[in-house]
Amino acid sequence: NGFGAIIAAAGKAAHLAGAIAANTTLPVIGIPVKS
């Protein structure tokens, strides 16, 4: 779909970036969000 990188932001358990990274070889950048 034309993406070159993915930014994933989540708080608390913050599994979003890991869940995304587990399903792509694109670079994933995680933003831990203050809760």
PDB file of all heavy atoms in Angstrom:
ATOM      1  N   ASN A   1       0.805  -1.221   0.000  1.00  0.00           N
ATOM      2  CA  ASN A   1       0.000   0.000   0.000  1.00  0.00           C
ATOM      3  C   ASN A   1       0.841   1.275   0.000  1.00  0.00           C
ATOM      4  O   ASN A   1       0.310   2.368   0.205  1.00  0.00           O
ATOM      5  CB  ASN A   1      -0.977  -0.013   1.179  1.00  0.00           C
ATOM      6  CG  ASN A   1      -2.084  -1.045   0.963  1.00  0.00           C
ATOM      7  OD1 ASN A   1      -2.476  -1.317  -0.168  1.00  0.00           O
ATOM      8  ND2 ASN A   1      -2.571  -1.616   2.039  1.00  0.00           N
ATOM      9  N   GLY A   2       2.143   1.140  -0.228  1.00  0.00           N
ATOM     10  CA  GLY A   2       2.987   2.302  -0.438  1.00  0.00           C
ATOM     11  C   GLY A   2       3.634   2.913   0.790  1.00  0.00           C
ATOM     12  O   GLY A   2       4.142   4.030   0.724  1.00  0.00           O
ATOM     13  N   PHE A   3       3.636   2.206   1.897  1.00  0.00           N
ATOM     14  CA  PHE A   3       4.255   2.736   3.112  1.00  0.00           C
ATOM     15  C   PHE A   3       5.736   2.384   3.166  1.00  0.00           C
ATOM     16  O   PHE A   3       6.154   1.327   2.698  1.00  0.00           O
ATOM     17  CB  PHE A   3       3.532   2.205   4.360  1.00  0.00           C
ATOM     18  CG  PHE A   3       2.133   2.723   4.486  1.00  0.00           C
ATOM     19  CD1 PHE A   3       1.057   1.976   4.035  1.00  0.00           C
ATOM     20  CD2 PHE A   3       1.900   3.980   5.018  1.00  0.00           C
ATOM     21  CE1 PHE A   3      -0.235   2.460   4.119  1.00  0.00           C
ATOM     22  CE2 PHE A   3       0.604   4.473   5.114  1.00  0.00           C
ATOM     23  CZ  PHE A   3      -0.462   3.711   4.659  1.00  0.00           C
ATOM     24  N   GLY A   4       6.518   3.291   3.754  1.00  0.00           N
ATOM     25  CA  GLY A   4       7.941   3.063   3.928  1.00  0.00           C
ATOM     26  C   GLY A   4       8.343   2.936   5.386  1.00  0.00           C
ATOM     27  O   GLY A   4       9.428   2.469   5.704  1.00  0.00           O
ATOM     28  N   ALA A   5       7.471   3.347   6.294  1.00  0.00           N
ATOM     29  CA  ALA A   5       7.709   3.247   7.739  1.00  0.00           C
ATOM     30  C   ALA A   5       6.367   3.364   8.447  1.00  0.00           C
ATOM     31  O   ALA A   5       5.415   3.942   7.906  1.00  0.00           O
ATOM     32  CB  ALA A   5       8.657   4.343   8.218  1.00  0.00           C
ATOM     33  N   ILE A   6       6.327   2.805   9.639  1.00  0.00           N
ATOM     34  CA  ILE A   6       5.095   2.837  10.440  1.00  0.00           C
ATOM     35  C   ILE A   6       5.435   3.365  11.828  1.00  0.00           C
ATOM     36  O   ILE A   6       6.385   2.894  12.462  1.00  0.00           O
ATOM     37  CB  ILE A   6       4.464   1.431  10.555  1.00  0.00           C
ATOM     38  CG1 ILE A   6       4.112   0.892   9.169  1.00  0.00           C
ATOM     39  CG2 ILE A   6       3.235   1.472  11.468  1.00  0.00           C
ATOM     40  CD1 ILE A   6       3.669  -0.563   9.168  1.00  0.00           C
ATOM     41  N   ILE A   7       4.662   4.328  12.275  1.00  0.00           N
ATOM     42  CA  ILE A   7       4.760   4.843  13.643  1.00  0.00           C
ATOM     43  C   ILE A   7       3.552   4.300  14.400  1.00  0.00           C
ATOM     44  O   ILE A   7       2.425   4.409  13.928  1.00  0.00           O
ATOM     45  CB  ILE A   7       4.743   6.387  13.653  1.00  0.00           C
ATOM     46  CG1 ILE A   7       5.952   6.942  12.914  1.00  0.00           C
ATOM     47  CG2 ILE A   7       4.665   6.912  15.086  1.00  0.00           C
ATOM     48  CD1 ILE A   7       5.892   8.451  12.693  1.00  0.00           C
ATOM     49  N   ALA A   8       3.798   3.713  15.565  1.00  0.00           N
ATOM     50  CA  ALA A   8       2.712   3.146  16.365  1.00  0.00           C
ATOM     51  C   ALA A   8       2.778   3.709  17.784  1.00  0.00           C
ATOM     52  O   ALA A   8       3.783   3.549  18.473  1.00  0.00           O
ATOM     53  CB  ALA A   8       2.809   1.621  16.393  1.00  0.00           C
ATOM     54  N   ALA A   9       1.712   4.370  18.198  1.00  0.00           N
ATOM     55  CA  ALA A   9       1.654   4.997  19.518  1.00  0.00           C
ATOM     56  C   ALA A   9       0.622   4.296  20.386  1.00  0.00           C
ATOM     57  O   ALA A   9      -0.511   4.087  19.955  1.00  0.00           O
ATOM     58  CB  ALA A   9       1.285   6.475  19.377  1.00  0.00           C
ATOM     59  N   ALA A  10       1.038   3.955  21.600  1.00  0.00           N
ATOM     60  CA  ALA A  10       0.101   3.310  22.520  1.00  0.00           C
ATOM     61  C   ALA A  10       0.585   3.503  23.949  1.00  0.00           C
ATOM     62  O   ALA A  10       1.780   3.622  24.207  1.00  0.00           O
ATOM     63  CB  ALA A  10      -0.035   1.824  22.211  1.00  0.00           C
ATOM     64  N   GLY A  11      -0.353   3.519  24.865  1.00  0.00           N
ATOM     65  CA  GLY A  11      -0.044   3.630  26.283  1.00  0.00           C
ATOM     66  C   GLY A  11      -0.308   2.321  26.994  1.00  0.00           C
ATOM     67  O   GLY A  11      -0.668   1.322  26.378  1.00  0.00           O
ATOM     68  N   LYS A  12      -0.089   2.338  28.281  1.00  0.00           N
ATOM     69  CA  LYS A  12      -0.294   1.192  29.171  1.00  0.00           C
ATOM     70  C   LYS A  12       0.473  -0.026  28.673  1.00  0.00           C
ATOM     71  O   LYS A  12       1.682   0.005  28.584  1.00  0.00           O
ATOM     72  CB  LYS A  12      -1.766   0.939  29.398  1.00  0.00           C
ATOM     73  CG  LYS A  12      -2.434   2.149  30.038  1.00  0.00           C
ATOM     74  CD  LYS A  12      -3.745   1.825  30.653  1.00  0.00           C
ATOM     75  CE  LYS A  12      -4.268   3.101  31.294  1.00  0.00           C
ATOM     76  NZ  LYS A  12      -5.331   2.876  32.199  1.00  0.00           N
ATOM     77  N   ALA A  13      -0.203  -1.117  28.303  1.00  0.00           N
ATOM     78  CA  ALA A  13       0.500  -2.327  27.876  1.00  0.00           C
ATOM     79  C   ALA A  13       1.279  -2.120  26.581  1.00  0.00           C
ATOM     80  O   ALA A  13       2.263  -2.801  26.327  1.00  0.00           O
ATOM     81  CB  ALA A  13      -0.482  -3.485  27.716  1.00  0.00           C
ATOM     82  N   ALA A  14       0.853  -1.173  25.748  1.00  0.00           N
ATOM     83  CA  ALA A  14       1.585  -0.718  24.559  1.00  0.00           C
ATOM     84  C   ALA A  14       2.045  -1.829  23.630  1.00  0.00           C
ATOM     85  O   ALA A  14       3.151  -1.808  23.134  1.00  0.00           O
ATOM     86  CB  ALA A  14       2.764   0.154  24.976  1.00  0.00           C
ATOM     87  N   HIS A  15       1.197  -2.779  23.358  1.00  0.00           N
ATOM     88  CA  HIS A  15       1.581  -3.880  22.463  1.00  0.00           C
ATOM     89  C   HIS A  15       1.407  -3.554  20.992  1.00  0.00           C
ATOM     90  O   HIS A  15       1.725  -4.361  20.136  1.00  0.00           O
ATOM     91  CB  HIS A  15       0.776  -5.130  22.810  1.00  0.00           C
ATOM     92  CG  HIS A  15       1.097  -5.681  24.156  1.00  0.00           C
ATOM     93  ND1 HIS A  15       0.138  -6.014  25.064  1.00  0.00           N
ATOM     94  CD2 HIS A  15       2.283  -5.929  24.752  1.00  0.00           C
ATOM     95  CE1 HIS A  15       0.712  -6.449  26.163  1.00  0.00           C
ATOM     96  NE2 HIS A  15       2.009  -6.396  26.004  1.00  0.00           N
ATOM     97  N   LEU A  16       0.888  -2.383  20.666  1.00  0.00           N
ATOM     98  CA  LEU A  16       0.584  -2.055  19.279  1.00  0.00           C
ATOM     99  C   LEU A  16       1.812  -2.102  18.382  1.00  0.00           C
ATOM    100  O   LEU A  16       1.791  -2.736  17.328  1.00  0.00           O
ATOM    101  CB  LEU A  16      -0.086  -0.681  19.189  1.00  0.00           C
ATOM    102  CG  LEU A  16      -0.514  -0.244  17.790  1.00  0.00           C
ATOM    103  CD1 LEU A  16      -1.509  -1.229  17.180  1.00  0.00           C
ATOM    104  CD2 LEU A  16      -1.107   1.149  17.841  1.00  0.00           C
ATOM    105  N   ALA A  17       2.888  -1.445  18.754  1.00  0.00           N
ATOM    106  CA  ALA A  17       4.084  -1.435  17.905  1.00  0.00           C
ATOM    107  C   ALA A  17       4.608  -2.855  17.681  1.00  0.00           C
ATOM    108  O   ALA A  17       4.969  -3.216  16.560  1.00  0.00           O
ATOM    109  CB  ALA A  17       5.168  -0.550  18.517  1.00  0.00           C
ATOM    110  N   GLY A  18       4.628  -3.646  18.715  1.00  0.00           N
ATOM    111  CA  GLY A  18       5.081  -5.033  18.586  1.00  0.00           C
ATOM    112  C   GLY A  18       4.163  -5.870  17.721  1.00  0.00           C
ATOM    113  O   GLY A  18       4.617  -6.685  16.915  1.00  0.00           O
ATOM    114  N   ALA A  19       2.859  -5.664  17.875  1.00  0.00           N
ATOM    115  CA  ALA A  19       1.895  -6.403  17.051  1.00  0.00           C
ATOM    116  C   ALA A  19       2.046  -6.024  15.583  1.00  0.00           C
ATOM    117  O   ALA A  19       1.969  -6.881  14.695  1.00  0.00           O
ATOM    118  CB  ALA A  19       0.474  -6.125  17.529  1.00  0.00           C
ATOM    119  N   ILE A  20       2.287  -4.743  15.321  1.00  0.00           N
ATOM    120  CA  ILE A  20       2.501  -4.291  13.945  1.00  0.00           C
ATOM    121  C   ILE A  20       3.811  -4.878  13.422  1.00  0.00           C
ATOM    122  O   ILE A  20       3.875  -5.435  12.315  1.00  0.00           O
ATOM    123  CB  ILE A  20       2.516  -2.746  13.864  1.00  0.00           C
ATOM    124  CG1 ILE A  20       1.159  -2.150  14.254  1.00  0.00           C
ATOM    125  CG2 ILE A  20       2.967  -2.271  12.485  1.00  0.00           C
ATOM    126  CD1 ILE A  20       0.024  -2.439  13.313  1.00  0.00           C
ATOM    127  N   ALA A  21       4.884  -4.764  14.196  1.00  0.00           N
ATOM    128  CA  ALA A  21       6.201  -5.244  13.765  1.00  0.00           C
ATOM    129  C   ALA A  21       6.210  -6.749  13.503  1.00  0.00           C
ATOM    130  O   ALA A  21       6.944  -7.225  12.630  1.00  0.00           O
ATOM    131  CB  ALA A  21       7.255  -4.890  14.809  1.00  0.00           C
ATOM    132  N   ALA A  22       5.391  -7.497  14.229  1.00  0.00           N
ATOM    133  CA  ALA A  22       5.329  -8.941  14.030  1.00  0.00           C
ATOM    134  C   ALA A  22       4.747  -9.313  12.676  1.00  0.00           C
ATOM    135  O   ALA A  22       4.931 -10.436  12.205  1.00  0.00           O
ATOM    136  CB  ALA A  22       4.498  -9.577  15.143  1.00  0.00           C
ATOM    137  N   ASN A  23       4.084  -8.344  12.037  1.00  0.00           N
ATOM    138  CA  ASN A  23       3.389  -8.650  10.790  1.00  0.00           C
ATOM    139  C   ASN A  23       3.890  -7.863   9.582  1.00  0.00           C
ATOM    140  O   ASN A  23       3.228  -7.813   8.551  1.00  0.00           O
ATOM    141  CB  ASN A  23       1.890  -8.406  10.985  1.00  0.00           C
ATOM    142  CG  ASN A  23       1.290  -9.451  11.888  1.00  0.00           C
ATOM    143  OD1 ASN A  23       1.165 -10.598  11.510  1.00  0.00           O
ATOM    144  ND2 ASN A  23       0.954  -9.055  13.105  1.00  0.00           N
ATOM    145  N   THR A  24       5.058  -7.227   9.713  1.00  0.00           N
ATOM    146  CA  THR A  24       5.655  -6.513   8.582  1.00  0.00           C
ATOM    147  C   THR A  24       7.163  -6.486   8.756  1.00  0.00           C
ATOM    148  O   THR A  24       7.662  -6.611   9.884  1.00  0.00           O
ATOM    149  CB  THR A  24       5.117  -5.071   8.455  1.00  0.00           C
ATOM    150  OG1 THR A  24       5.625  -4.482   7.257  1.00  0.00           O
ATOM    151  CG2 THR A  24       5.506  -4.210   9.646  1.00  0.00           C
ATOM    152  N   THR A  25       7.859  -6.315   7.640  1.00  0.00           N
ATOM    153  CA  THR A  25       9.309  -6.107   7.724  1.00  0.00           C
ATOM    154  C   THR A  25       9.659  -4.641   7.495  1.00  0.00           C
ATOM    155  O   THR A  25      10.834  -4.285   7.426  1.00  0.00           O
ATOM    156  CB  THR A  25      10.053  -6.994   6.707  1.00  0.00           C
ATOM    157  OG1 THR A  25       9.534  -6.740   5.402  1.00  0.00           O
ATOM    158  CG2 THR A  25       9.912  -8.468   7.061  1.00  0.00           C
ATOM    159  N   LEU A  26       8.653  -3.788   7.396  1.00  0.00           N
ATOM    160  CA  LEU A  26       8.909  -2.353   7.333  1.00  0.00           C
ATOM    161  C   LEU A  26       9.423  -1.870   8.683  1.00  0.00           C
ATOM    162  O   LEU A  26       9.095  -2.466   9.725  1.00  0.00           O
ATOM    163  CB  LEU A  26       7.618  -1.590   6.989  1.00  0.00           C
ATOM    164  CG  LEU A  26       7.094  -1.724   5.574  1.00  0.00           C
ATOM    165  CD1 LEU A  26       5.757  -1.010   5.449  1.00  0.00           C
ATOM    166  CD2 LEU A  26       8.088  -1.181   4.566  1.00  0.00           C
ATOM    167  N   PRO A  27      10.176  -0.775   8.718  1.00  0.00           N
ATOM    168  CA  PRO A  27      10.593  -0.226  10.008  1.00  0.00           C
ATOM    169  C   PRO A  27       9.385   0.247  10.812  1.00  0.00           C
ATOM    170  O   PRO A  27       8.507   0.929  10.274  1.00  0.00           O
ATOM    171  CB  PRO A  27      11.476   0.968   9.630  1.00  0.00           C
ATOM    172  CG  PRO A  27      11.800   0.810   8.189  1.00  0.00           C
ATOM    173  CD  PRO A  27      10.723  -0.027   7.585  1.00  0.00           C
ATOM    174  N   VAL A  28       9.348  -0.119  12.076  1.00  0.00           N
ATOM    175  CA  VAL A  28       8.278   0.291  12.985  1.00  0.00           C
ATOM    176  C   VAL A  28       8.907   1.115  14.101  1.00  0.00           C
ATOM    177  O   VAL A  28       9.897   0.705  14.707  1.00  0.00           O
ATOM    178  CB  VAL A  28       7.520  -0.921  13.565  1.00  0.00           C
ATOM    179  CG1 VAL A  28       6.485  -0.471  14.597  1.00  0.00           C
ATOM    180  CG2 VAL A  28       6.867  -1.730  12.453  1.00  0.00           C
ATOM    181  N   ILE A  29       8.314   2.262  14.345  1.00  0.00           N
ATOM    182  CA  ILE A  29       8.790   3.174  15.381  1.00  0.00           C
ATOM    183  C   ILE A  29       7.692   3.274  16.435  1.00  0.00           C
ATOM    184  O   ILE A  29       6.578   3.691  16.132  1.00  0.00           O
ATOM    185  CB  ILE A  29       9.093   4.566  14.790  1.00  0.00           C
ATOM    186  CG1 ILE A  29      10.095   4.446  13.633  1.00  0.00           C
ATOM    187  CG2 ILE A  29       9.594   5.510  15.882  1.00  0.00           C
ATOM    188  CD1 ILE A  29      10.096   5.634  12.702  1.00  0.00           C
ATOM    189  N   GLY A  30       8.016   2.893  17.648  1.00  0.00           N
ATOM    190  CA  GLY A  30       7.031   2.920  18.724  1.00  0.00           C
ATOM    191  C   GLY A  30       7.114   4.196  19.546  1.00  0.00           C
ATOM    192  O   GLY A  30       8.203   4.651  19.880  1.00  0.00           O
ATOM    193  N   ILE A  31       5.946   4.751  19.832  1.00  0.00           N
ATOM    194  CA  ILE A  31       5.851   5.890  20.746  1.00  0.00           C
ATOM    195  C   ILE A  31       5.136   5.401  22.000  1.00  0.00           C
ATOM    196  O   ILE A  31       3.925   5.160  21.972  1.00  0.00           O
ATOM    197  CB  ILE A  31       5.034   7.063  20.157  1.00  0.00           C
ATOM    198  CG1 ILE A  31       5.576   7.521  18.812  1.00  0.00           C
ATOM    199  CG2 ILE A  31       4.992   8.220  21.162  1.00  0.00           C
ATOM    200  CD1 ILE A  31       4.653   8.516  18.102  1.00  0.00           C
ATOM    201  N   PRO A  32       5.846   5.246  23.103  1.00  0.00           N
ATOM    202  CA  PRO A  32       5.156   4.936  24.355  1.00  0.00           C
ATOM    203  C   PRO A  32       4.426   6.188  24.839  1.00  0.00           C
ATOM    204  O   PRO A  32       5.009   7.260  24.893  1.00  0.00           O
ATOM    205  CB  PRO A  32       6.281   4.539  25.302  1.00  0.00           C
ATOM    206  CG  PRO A  32       7.554   4.925  24.647  1.00  0.00           C
ATOM    207  CD  PRO A  32       7.292   5.298  23.242  1.00  0.00           C
ATOM    208  N   VAL A  33       3.153   6.035  25.128  1.00  0.00           N
ATOM    209  CA  VAL A  33       2.324   7.176  25.521  1.00  0.00           C
ATOM    210  C   VAL A  33       2.134   7.167  27.037  1.00  0.00           C
ATOM    211  O   VAL A  33       1.813   6.141  27.637  1.00  0.00           O
ATOM    212  CB  VAL A  33       0.965   7.144  24.791  1.00  0.00           C
ATOM    213  CG1 VAL A  33       0.061   8.274  25.257  1.00  0.00           C
ATOM    214  CG2 VAL A  33       1.180   7.216  23.277  1.00  0.00           C
ATOM    215  N   LYS A  34       2.322   8.330  27.634  1.00  0.00           N
ATOM    216  CA  LYS A  34       2.160   8.484  29.081  1.00  0.00           C
ATOM    217  C   LYS A  34       0.713   8.208  29.468  1.00  0.00           C
ATOM    218  O   LYS A  34      -0.212   8.710  28.848  1.00  0.00           O
ATOM    219  CB  LYS A  34       2.548   9.904  29.487  1.00  0.00           C
ATOM    220  CG  LYS A  34       2.511  10.148  30.966  1.00  0.00           C
ATOM    221  CD  LYS A  34       2.989  11.555  31.290  1.00  0.00           C
ATOM    222  CE  LYS A  34       2.930  11.800  32.777  1.00  0.00           C
ATOM    223  NZ  LYS A  34       3.464  13.109  33.136  1.00  0.00           N
ATOM    224  N   SER A  35       0.561   7.407  30.500  1.00  0.00           N
ATOM    225  CA  SER A  35      -0.784   7.123  31.012  1.00  0.00           C
ATOM    226  C   SER A  35      -0.871   7.616  32.454  1.00  0.00           C
ATOM    227  O   SER A  35       0.128   8.003  33.054  1.00  0.00           O
ATOM    228  CB  SER A  35      -1.074   5.620  30.950  1.00  0.00           C
ATOM    229  OG  SER A  35      -0.190   4.914  31.809  1.00  0.00           O
TER     230      SER A  35
END
